[in-house]
Amino acid sequence: FSYGNETFKQRYLVNDSWWLPHKGPIFFYTGNE
């Protein structure tokens, strides 16, 4: 109820140059302060 479906733009950085599509793992950095 507080903000309903309101959203904000969360930024993230991507490098897919090494990725094996649909099979390679995802390395996910949990950004900090």
ModelCIF file with pLDDT and N, C-alpha, C, O atoms, coordinates in Angstrom:
data_MODEL
#
_entry.id   MODEL 
#
_entity.id                         1 
_entity.type                       polymer 
_entity.pdbx_number_of_molecules   1 
#
_entity_poly.entity_id                      1 
_entity_poly.type                           'polypeptide(L)' 
_entity_poly.nstd_linkage                   no 
_entity_poly.nstd_monomer                   no 
_entity_poly.pdbx_seq_one_letter_code       FSYGNETFKQRYLVNDSWWLPHKGPIFFYTGNE 
_entity_poly.pdbx_seq_one_letter_code_can   FSYGNETFKQRYLVNDSWWLPHKGPIFFYTGNE 
_entity_poly.pdbx_strand_id                 A 
#
loop_
_entity_poly_seq.entity_id 
_entity_poly_seq.num 
_entity_poly_seq.mon_id 
_entity_poly_seq.hetero 
1 1  PHE n 
1 2  SER n 
1 3  TYR n 
1 4  GLY n 
1 5  ASN n 
1 6  GLU n 
1 7  THR n 
1 8  PHE n 
1 9  LYS n 
1 10 GLN n 
1 11 ARG n 
1 12 TYR n 
1 13 LEU n 
1 14 VAL n 
1 15 ASN n 
1 16 ASP n 
1 17 SER n 
1 18 TRP n 
1 19 TRP n 
1 20 LEU n 
1 21 PRO n 
1 22 HIS n 
1 23 LYS n 
1 24 GLY n 
1 25 PRO n 
1 26 ILE n 
1 27 PHE n 
1 28 PHE n 
1 29 TYR n 
1 30 THR n 
1 31 GLY n 
1 32 ASN n 
1 33 GLU n 
#
_struct_asym.id          A 
_struct_asym.entity_id   1 
#
loop_
_ma_qa_metric.id 
_ma_qa_metric.mode 
_ma_qa_metric.name 
_ma_qa_metric.software_group_id 
_ma_qa_metric.type 
1 global pLDDT . pLDDT 
2 local  pLDDT . pLDDT 
#
_ma_qa_metric_global.metric_id      1 
_ma_qa_metric_global.metric_value   95.09 
_ma_qa_metric_global.model_id       1 
_ma_qa_metric_global.ordinal_id     1 
#
loop_
_ma_qa_metric_local.label_asym_id 
_ma_qa_metric_local.label_comp_id 
_ma_qa_metric_local.label_seq_id 
_ma_qa_metric_local.metric_id 
_ma_qa_metric_local.metric_value 
_ma_qa_metric_local.model_id 
_ma_qa_metric_local.ordinal_id 
A PHE 1  2 88.00 1 1  
A SER 2  2 84.00 1 2  
A TYR 3  2 87.00 1 3  
A GLY 4  2 81.00 1 4  
A ASN 5  2 88.00 1 5  
A GLU 6  2 93.00 1 6  
A THR 7  2 96.00 1 7  
A PHE 8  2 97.00 1 8  
A LYS 9  2 98.00 1 9  
A GLN 10 2 98.00 1 10 
A ARG 11 2 98.00 1 11 
A TYR 12 2 98.00 1 12 
A LEU 13 2 98.00 1 13 
A VAL 14 2 98.00 1 14 
A ASN 15 2 97.00 1 15 
A ASP 16 2 97.00 1 16 
A SER 17 2 96.00 1 17 
A TRP 18 2 97.00 1 18 
A TRP 19 2 97.00 1 19 
A LEU 20 2 96.00 1 20 
A PRO 21 2 95.00 1 21 
A HIS 22 2 93.00 1 22 
A LYS 23 2 94.00 1 23 
A GLY 24 2 97.00 1 24 
A PRO 25 2 98.00 1 25 
A ILE 26 2 98.00 1 26 
A PHE 27 2 98.00 1 27 
A PHE 28 2 98.00 1 28 
A TYR 29 2 98.00 1 29 
A THR 30 2 98.00 1 30 
A GLY 31 2 97.00 1 31 
A ASN 32 2 96.00 1 32 
A GLU 33 2 96.00 1 33 
#
loop_
_atom_site.group_PDB 
_atom_site.id 
_atom_site.type_symbol 
_atom_site.label_atom_id 
_atom_site.label_alt_id 
_atom_site.label_comp_id 
_atom_site.label_asym_id 
_atom_site.label_entity_id 
_atom_site.label_seq_id 
_atom_site.pdbx_PDB_ins_code 
_atom_site.Cartn_x 
_atom_site.Cartn_y 
_atom_site.Cartn_z 
_atom_site.occupancy 
_atom_site.B_iso_or_equiv 
_atom_site.pdbx_formal_charge 
_atom_site.auth_seq_id 
_atom_site.auth_comp_id 
_atom_site.auth_asym_id 
_atom_site.auth_atom_id 
_atom_site.pdbx_PDB_model_num 
ATOM 1   N N  . PHE A 1 1  ? 0.798  -1.203  0.000   1.00 88.00 ? 1  PHE A N  1 
ATOM 2   C CA . PHE A 1 1  ? 0.000  0.000   0.000   1.00 88.00 ? 1  PHE A CA 1 
ATOM 3   C C  . PHE A 1 1  ? 0.844  1.272   0.000   1.00 88.00 ? 1  PHE A C  1 
ATOM 4   O O  . PHE A 1 1  ? 0.382  2.318   -0.456  1.00 88.00 ? 1  PHE A O  1 
ATOM 5   N N  . SER A 1 2  ? 2.053  1.196   0.497   1.00 84.00 ? 2  SER A N  1 
ATOM 6   C CA . SER A 1 2  ? 2.831  2.427   0.677   1.00 84.00 ? 2  SER A CA 1 
ATOM 7   C C  . SER A 1 2  ? 3.161  3.112   -0.641  1.00 84.00 ? 2  SER A C  1 
ATOM 8   O O  . SER A 1 2  ? 2.937  4.313   -0.791  1.00 84.00 ? 2  SER A O  1 
ATOM 9   N N  . TYR A 1 3  ? 3.694  2.354   -1.599  1.00 87.00 ? 3  TYR A N  1 
ATOM 10  C CA . TYR A 1 3  ? 4.045  2.945   -2.885  1.00 87.00 ? 3  TYR A CA 1 
ATOM 11  C C  . TYR A 1 3  ? 3.466  2.161   -4.057  1.00 87.00 ? 3  TYR A C  1 
ATOM 12  O O  . TYR A 1 3  ? 3.788  2.442   -5.211  1.00 87.00 ? 3  TYR A O  1 
ATOM 13  N N  . GLY A 1 4  ? 2.622  1.190   -3.770  1.00 81.00 ? 4  GLY A N  1 
ATOM 14  C CA . GLY A 1 4  ? 1.989  0.422   -4.830  1.00 81.00 ? 4  GLY A CA 1 
ATOM 15  C C  . GLY A 1 4  ? 3.007  -0.219  -5.749  1.00 81.00 ? 4  GLY A C  1 
ATOM 16  O O  . GLY A 1 4  ? 3.866  -0.973  -5.290  1.00 81.00 ? 4  GLY A O  1 
ATOM 17  N N  . ASN A 1 5  ? 2.927  0.061   -7.013  1.00 88.00 ? 5  ASN A N  1 
ATOM 18  C CA . ASN A 1 5  ? 3.852  -0.500  -7.998  1.00 88.00 ? 5  ASN A CA 1 
ATOM 19  C C  . ASN A 1 5  ? 4.901  0.510   -8.452  1.00 88.00 ? 5  ASN A C  1 
ATOM 20  O O  . ASN A 1 5  ? 5.508  0.336   -9.509  1.00 88.00 ? 5  ASN A O  1 
ATOM 21  N N  . GLU A 1 6  ? 5.121  1.570   -7.662  1.00 93.00 ? 6  GLU A N  1 
ATOM 22  C CA . GLU A 1 6  ? 6.120  2.568   -8.038  1.00 93.00 ? 6  GLU A CA 1 
ATOM 23  C C  . GLU A 1 6  ? 7.513  1.949   -8.041  1.00 93.00 ? 6  GLU A C  1 
ATOM 24  O O  . GLU A 1 6  ? 7.824  1.083   -7.223  1.00 93.00 ? 6  GLU A O  1 
ATOM 25  N N  . THR A 1 7  ? 8.351  2.409   -8.978  1.00 96.00 ? 7  THR A N  1 
ATOM 26  C CA . THR A 1 7  ? 9.690  1.843   -9.135  1.00 96.00 ? 7  THR A CA 1 
ATOM 27  C C  . THR A 1 7  ? 10.752 2.946   -9.213  1.00 96.00 ? 7  THR A C  1 
ATOM 28  O O  . THR A 1 7  ? 10.438 4.128   -9.351  1.00 96.00 ? 7  THR A O  1 
ATOM 29  N N  . PHE A 1 8  ? 11.984 2.532   -9.124  1.00 97.00 ? 8  PHE A N  1 
ATOM 30  C CA . PHE A 1 8  ? 13.114 3.433   -9.356  1.00 97.00 ? 8  PHE A CA 1 
ATOM 31  C C  . PHE A 1 8  ? 14.115 2.704   -10.242 1.00 97.00 ? 8  PHE A C  1 
ATOM 32  O O  . PHE A 1 8  ? 14.024 1.489   -10.414 1.00 97.00 ? 8  PHE A O  1 
ATOM 33  N N  . LYS A 1 9  ? 15.058 3.432   -10.797 1.00 98.00 ? 9  LYS A N  1 
ATOM 34  C CA . LYS A 1 9  ? 16.058 2.864   -11.684 1.00 98.00 ? 9  LYS A CA 1 
ATOM 35  C C  . LYS A 1 9  ? 17.260 2.358   -10.867 1.00 98.00 ? 9  LYS A C  1 
ATOM 36  O O  . LYS A 1 9  ? 18.052 3.144   -10.345 1.00 98.00 ? 9  LYS A O  1 
ATOM 37  N N  . GLN A 1 10 ? 17.370 1.044   -10.775 1.00 98.00 ? 10 GLN A N  1 
ATOM 38  C CA . GLN A 1 10 ? 18.542 0.453   -10.128 1.00 98.00 ? 10 GLN A CA 1 
ATOM 39  C C  . GLN A 1 10 ? 19.613 0.211   -11.197 1.00 98.00 ? 10 GLN A C  1 
ATOM 40  O O  . GLN A 1 10 ? 19.361 -0.436  -12.213 1.00 98.00 ? 10 GLN A O  1 
ATOM 41  N N  . ARG A 1 11 ? 20.783 0.731   -10.949 1.00 98.00 ? 11 ARG A N  1 
ATOM 42  C CA . ARG A 1 11 ? 21.867 0.595   -11.926 1.00 98.00 ? 11 ARG A CA 1 
ATOM 43  C C  . ARG A 1 11 ? 22.616 -0.718  -11.713 1.00 98.00 ? 11 ARG A C  1 
ATOM 44  O O  . ARG A 1 11 ? 22.815 -1.157  -10.580 1.00 98.00 ? 11 ARG A O  1 
ATOM 45  N N  . TYR A 1 12 ? 23.027 -1.332  -12.814 1.00 98.00 ? 12 TYR A N  1 
ATOM 46  C CA . TYR A 1 12 ? 23.898 -2.498  -12.717 1.00 98.00 ? 12 TYR A CA 1 
ATOM 47  C C  . TYR A 1 12 ? 24.812 -2.548  -13.931 1.00 98.00 ? 12 TYR A C  1 
ATOM 48  O O  . TYR A 1 12 ? 24.502 -1.997  -14.987 1.00 98.00 ? 12 TYR A O  1 
ATOM 49  N N  . LEU A 1 13 ? 25.936 -3.216  -13.761 1.00 98.00 ? 13 LEU A N  1 
ATOM 50  C CA . LEU A 1 13 ? 26.961 -3.320  -14.805 1.00 98.00 ? 13 LEU A CA 1 
ATOM 51  C C  . LEU A 1 13 ? 27.023 -4.761  -15.298 1.00 98.00 ? 13 LEU A C  1 
ATOM 52  O O  . LEU A 1 13 ? 26.874 -5.699  -14.515 1.00 98.00 ? 13 LEU A O  1 
ATOM 53  N N  . VAL A 1 14 ? 27.244 -4.931  -16.593 1.00 98.00 ? 14 VAL A N  1 
ATOM 54  C CA . VAL A 1 14 ? 27.209 -6.257  -17.217 1.00 98.00 ? 14 VAL A CA 1 
ATOM 55  C C  . VAL A 1 14 ? 28.424 -6.450  -18.115 1.00 98.00 ? 14 VAL A C  1 
ATOM 56  O O  . VAL A 1 14 ? 28.830 -5.538  -18.835 1.00 98.00 ? 14 VAL A O  1 
ATOM 57  N N  . ASN A 1 15 ? 29.000 -7.651  -18.063 1.00 97.00 ? 15 ASN A N  1 
ATOM 58  C CA . ASN A 1 15 ? 29.946 -8.094  -19.088 1.00 97.00 ? 15 ASN A CA 1 
ATOM 59  C C  . ASN A 1 15 ? 29.535 -9.507  -19.490 1.00 97.00 ? 15 ASN A C  1 
ATOM 60  O O  . ASN A 1 15 ? 29.566 -10.435 -18.682 1.00 97.00 ? 15 ASN A O  1 
ATOM 61  N N  . ASP A 1 16 ? 29.145 -9.649  -20.767 1.00 97.00 ? 16 ASP A N  1 
ATOM 62  C CA . ASP A 1 16 ? 28.723 -10.962 -21.256 1.00 97.00 ? 16 ASP A CA 1 
ATOM 63  C C  . ASP A 1 16 ? 29.683 -11.517 -22.309 1.00 97.00 ? 16 ASP A C  1 
ATOM 64  O O  . ASP A 1 16 ? 29.344 -12.451 -23.037 1.00 97.00 ? 16 ASP A O  1 
ATOM 65  N N  . SER A 1 17 ? 30.895 -10.930 -22.385 1.00 96.00 ? 17 SER A N  1 
ATOM 66  C CA . SER A 1 17 ? 31.833 -11.327 -23.441 1.00 96.00 ? 17 SER A CA 1 
ATOM 67  C C  . SER A 1 17 ? 32.369 -12.746 -23.245 1.00 96.00 ? 17 SER A C  1 
ATOM 68  O O  . SER A 1 17 ? 32.782 -13.390 -24.209 1.00 96.00 ? 17 SER A O  1 
ATOM 69  N N  . TRP A 1 18 ? 32.363 -13.232 -22.009 1.00 97.00 ? 18 TRP A N  1 
ATOM 70  C CA . TRP A 1 18 ? 32.870 -14.590 -21.748 1.00 97.00 ? 18 TRP A CA 1 
ATOM 71  C C  . TRP A 1 18 ? 31.751 -15.620 -21.646 1.00 97.00 ? 18 TRP A C  1 
ATOM 72  O O  . TRP A 1 18 ? 32.013 -16.821 -21.586 1.00 97.00 ? 18 TRP A O  1 
ATOM 73  N N  . TRP A 1 19 ? 30.521 -15.160 -21.626 1.00 97.00 ? 19 TRP A N  1 
ATOM 74  C CA . TRP A 1 19 ? 29.409 -16.043 -21.260 1.00 97.00 ? 19 TRP A CA 1 
ATOM 75  C C  . TRP A 1 19 ? 29.098 -17.053 -22.352 1.00 97.00 ? 19 TRP A C  1 
ATOM 76  O O  . TRP A 1 19 ? 29.049 -16.724 -23.537 1.00 97.00 ? 19 TRP A O  1 
ATOM 77  N N  . LEU A 1 20 ? 28.891 -18.285 -21.922 1.00 96.00 ? 20 LEU A N  1 
ATOM 78  C CA . LEU A 1 20 ? 28.368 -19.330 -22.794 1.00 96.00 ? 20 LEU A CA 1 
ATOM 79  C C  . LEU A 1 20 ? 26.847 -19.257 -22.694 1.00 96.00 ? 20 LEU A C  1 
ATOM 80  O O  . LEU A 1 20 ? 26.283 -19.687 -21.688 1.00 96.00 ? 20 LEU A O  1 
ATOM 81  N N  . PRO A 1 21 ? 26.171 -18.724 -23.707 1.00 95.00 ? 21 PRO A N  1 
ATOM 82  C CA . PRO A 1 21 ? 24.726 -18.469 -23.606 1.00 95.00 ? 21 PRO A CA 1 
ATOM 83  C C  . PRO A 1 21 ? 23.929 -19.682 -23.156 1.00 95.00 ? 21 PRO A C  1 
ATOM 84  O O  . PRO A 1 21 ? 24.107 -20.794 -23.654 1.00 95.00 ? 21 PRO A O  1 
ATOM 85  N N  . HIS A 1 22 ? 23.044 -19.432 -22.196 1.00 93.00 ? 22 HIS A N  1 
ATOM 86  C CA . HIS A 1 22 ? 22.077 -20.396 -21.684 1.00 93.00 ? 22 HIS A CA 1 
ATOM 87  C C  . HIS A 1 22 ? 22.710 -21.523 -20.852 1.00 93.00 ? 22 HIS A C  1 
ATOM 88  O O  . HIS A 1 22 ? 21.998 -22.378 -20.325 1.00 93.00 ? 22 HIS A O  1 
ATOM 89  N N  . LYS A 1 23 ? 24.040 -21.524 -20.734 1.00 94.00 ? 23 LYS A N  1 
ATOM 90  C CA . LYS A 1 23 ? 24.696 -22.607 -19.994 1.00 94.00 ? 23 LYS A CA 1 
ATOM 91  C C  . LYS A 1 23 ? 25.683 -22.111 -18.938 1.00 94.00 ? 23 LYS A C  1 
ATOM 92  O O  . LYS A 1 23 ? 25.809 -22.715 -17.873 1.00 94.00 ? 23 LYS A O  1 
ATOM 93  N N  . GLY A 1 24 ? 26.379 -21.018 -19.230 1.00 97.00 ? 24 GLY A N  1 
ATOM 94  C CA . GLY A 1 24 ? 27.381 -20.531 -18.292 1.00 97.00 ? 24 GLY A CA 1 
ATOM 95  C C  . GLY A 1 24 ? 26.760 -19.978 -17.023 1.00 97.00 ? 24 GLY A C  1 
ATOM 96  O O  . GLY A 1 24 ? 25.607 -19.548 -17.046 1.00 97.00 ? 24 GLY A O  1 
ATOM 97  N N  . PRO A 1 25 ? 27.493 -19.977 -15.910 1.00 98.00 ? 25 PRO A N  1 
ATOM 98  C CA . PRO A 1 25 ? 26.964 -19.451 -14.645 1.00 98.00 ? 25 PRO A CA 1 
ATOM 99  C C  . PRO A 1 25 ? 26.876 -17.933 -14.660 1.00 98.00 ? 25 PRO A C  1 
ATOM 100 O O  . PRO A 1 25 ? 27.436 -17.268 -15.532 1.00 98.00 ? 25 PRO A O  1 
ATOM 101 N N  . ILE A 1 26 ? 26.166 -17.407 -13.687 1.00 98.00 ? 26 ILE A N  1 
ATOM 102 C CA . ILE A 1 26 ? 26.081 -15.964 -13.476 1.00 98.00 ? 26 ILE A CA 1 
ATOM 103 C C  . ILE A 1 26 ? 26.895 -15.610 -12.244 1.00 98.00 ? 26 ILE A C  1 
ATOM 104 O O  . ILE A 1 26 ? 26.616 -16.104 -11.151 1.00 98.00 ? 26 ILE A O  1 
ATOM 105 N N  . PHE A 1 27 ? 27.895 -14.760 -12.409 1.00 98.00 ? 27 PHE A N  1 
ATOM 106 C CA . PHE A 1 27 ? 28.667 -14.245 -11.287 1.00 98.00 ? 27 PHE A CA 1 
ATOM 107 C C  . PHE A 1 27 ? 28.060 -12.899 -10.906 1.00 98.00 ? 27 PHE A C  1 
ATOM 108 O O  . PHE A 1 27 ? 28.101 -11.945 -11.682 1.00 98.00 ? 27 PHE A O  1 
ATOM 109 N N  . PHE A 1 28 ? 27.496 -12.836 -9.700  1.00 98.00 ? 28 PHE A N  1 
ATOM 110 C CA . PHE A 1 28 ? 26.697 -11.681 -9.289  1.00 98.00 ? 28 PHE A CA 1 
ATOM 111 C C  . PHE A 1 28 ? 27.350 -10.997 -8.095  1.00 98.00 ? 28 PHE A C  1 
ATOM 112 O O  . PHE A 1 28 ? 27.412 -11.565 -7.004  1.00 98.00 ? 28 PHE A O  1 
ATOM 113 N N  . TYR A 1 29 ? 27.836 -9.773  -8.305  1.00 98.00 ? 29 TYR A N  1 
ATOM 114 C CA . TYR A 1 29 ? 28.437 -9.013  -7.205  1.00 98.00 ? 29 TYR A CA 1 
ATOM 115 C C  . TYR A 1 29 ? 27.343 -8.246  -6.473  1.00 98.00 ? 29 TYR A C  1 
ATOM 116 O O  . TYR A 1 29 ? 26.616 -7.455  -7.074  1.00 98.00 ? 29 TYR A O  1 
ATOM 117 N N  . THR A 1 30 ? 27.235 -8.489  -5.171  1.00 98.00 ? 30 THR A N  1 
ATOM 118 C CA . THR A 1 30 ? 26.246 -7.809  -4.337  1.00 98.00 ? 30 THR A CA 1 
ATOM 119 C C  . THR A 1 30 ? 26.824 -6.470  -3.887  1.00 98.00 ? 30 THR A C  1 
ATOM 120 O O  . THR A 1 30 ? 27.580 -6.396  -2.918  1.00 98.00 ? 30 THR A O  1 
ATOM 121 N N  . GLY A 1 31 ? 26.454 -5.420  -4.608  1.00 97.00 ? 31 GLY A N  1 
ATOM 122 C CA . GLY A 1 31 ? 27.049 -4.105  -4.385  1.00 97.00 ? 31 GLY A CA 1 
ATOM 123 C C  . GLY A 1 31 ? 26.878 -3.596  -2.972  1.00 97.00 ? 31 GLY A C  1 
ATOM 124 O O  . GLY A 1 31 ? 25.878 -3.870  -2.309  1.00 97.00 ? 31 GLY A O  1 
ATOM 125 N N  . ASN A 1 32 ? 27.872 -2.849  -2.522  1.00 96.00 ? 32 ASN A N  1 
ATOM 126 C CA . ASN A 1 32 ? 27.837 -2.340  -1.153  1.00 96.00 ? 32 ASN A CA 1 
ATOM 127 C C  . ASN A 1 32 ? 27.723 -0.822  -1.099  1.00 96.00 ? 32 ASN A C  1 
ATOM 128 O O  . ASN A 1 32 ? 27.118 -0.212  -1.980  1.00 96.00 ? 32 ASN A O  1 
ATOM 129 N N  . GLU A 1 33 ? 28.302 -0.211  -0.069  1.00 96.00 ? 33 GLU A N  1 
ATOM 130 C CA . GLU A 1 33 ? 27.976 1.166   0.286   1.00 96.00 ? 33 GLU A CA 1 
ATOM 131 C C  . GLU A 1 33 ? 28.733 2.195   -0.552  1.00 96.00 ? 33 GLU A C  1 
ATOM 132 O O  . GLU A 1 33 ? 28.556 3.398   -0.360  1.00 96.00 ? 33 GLU A O  1 
#
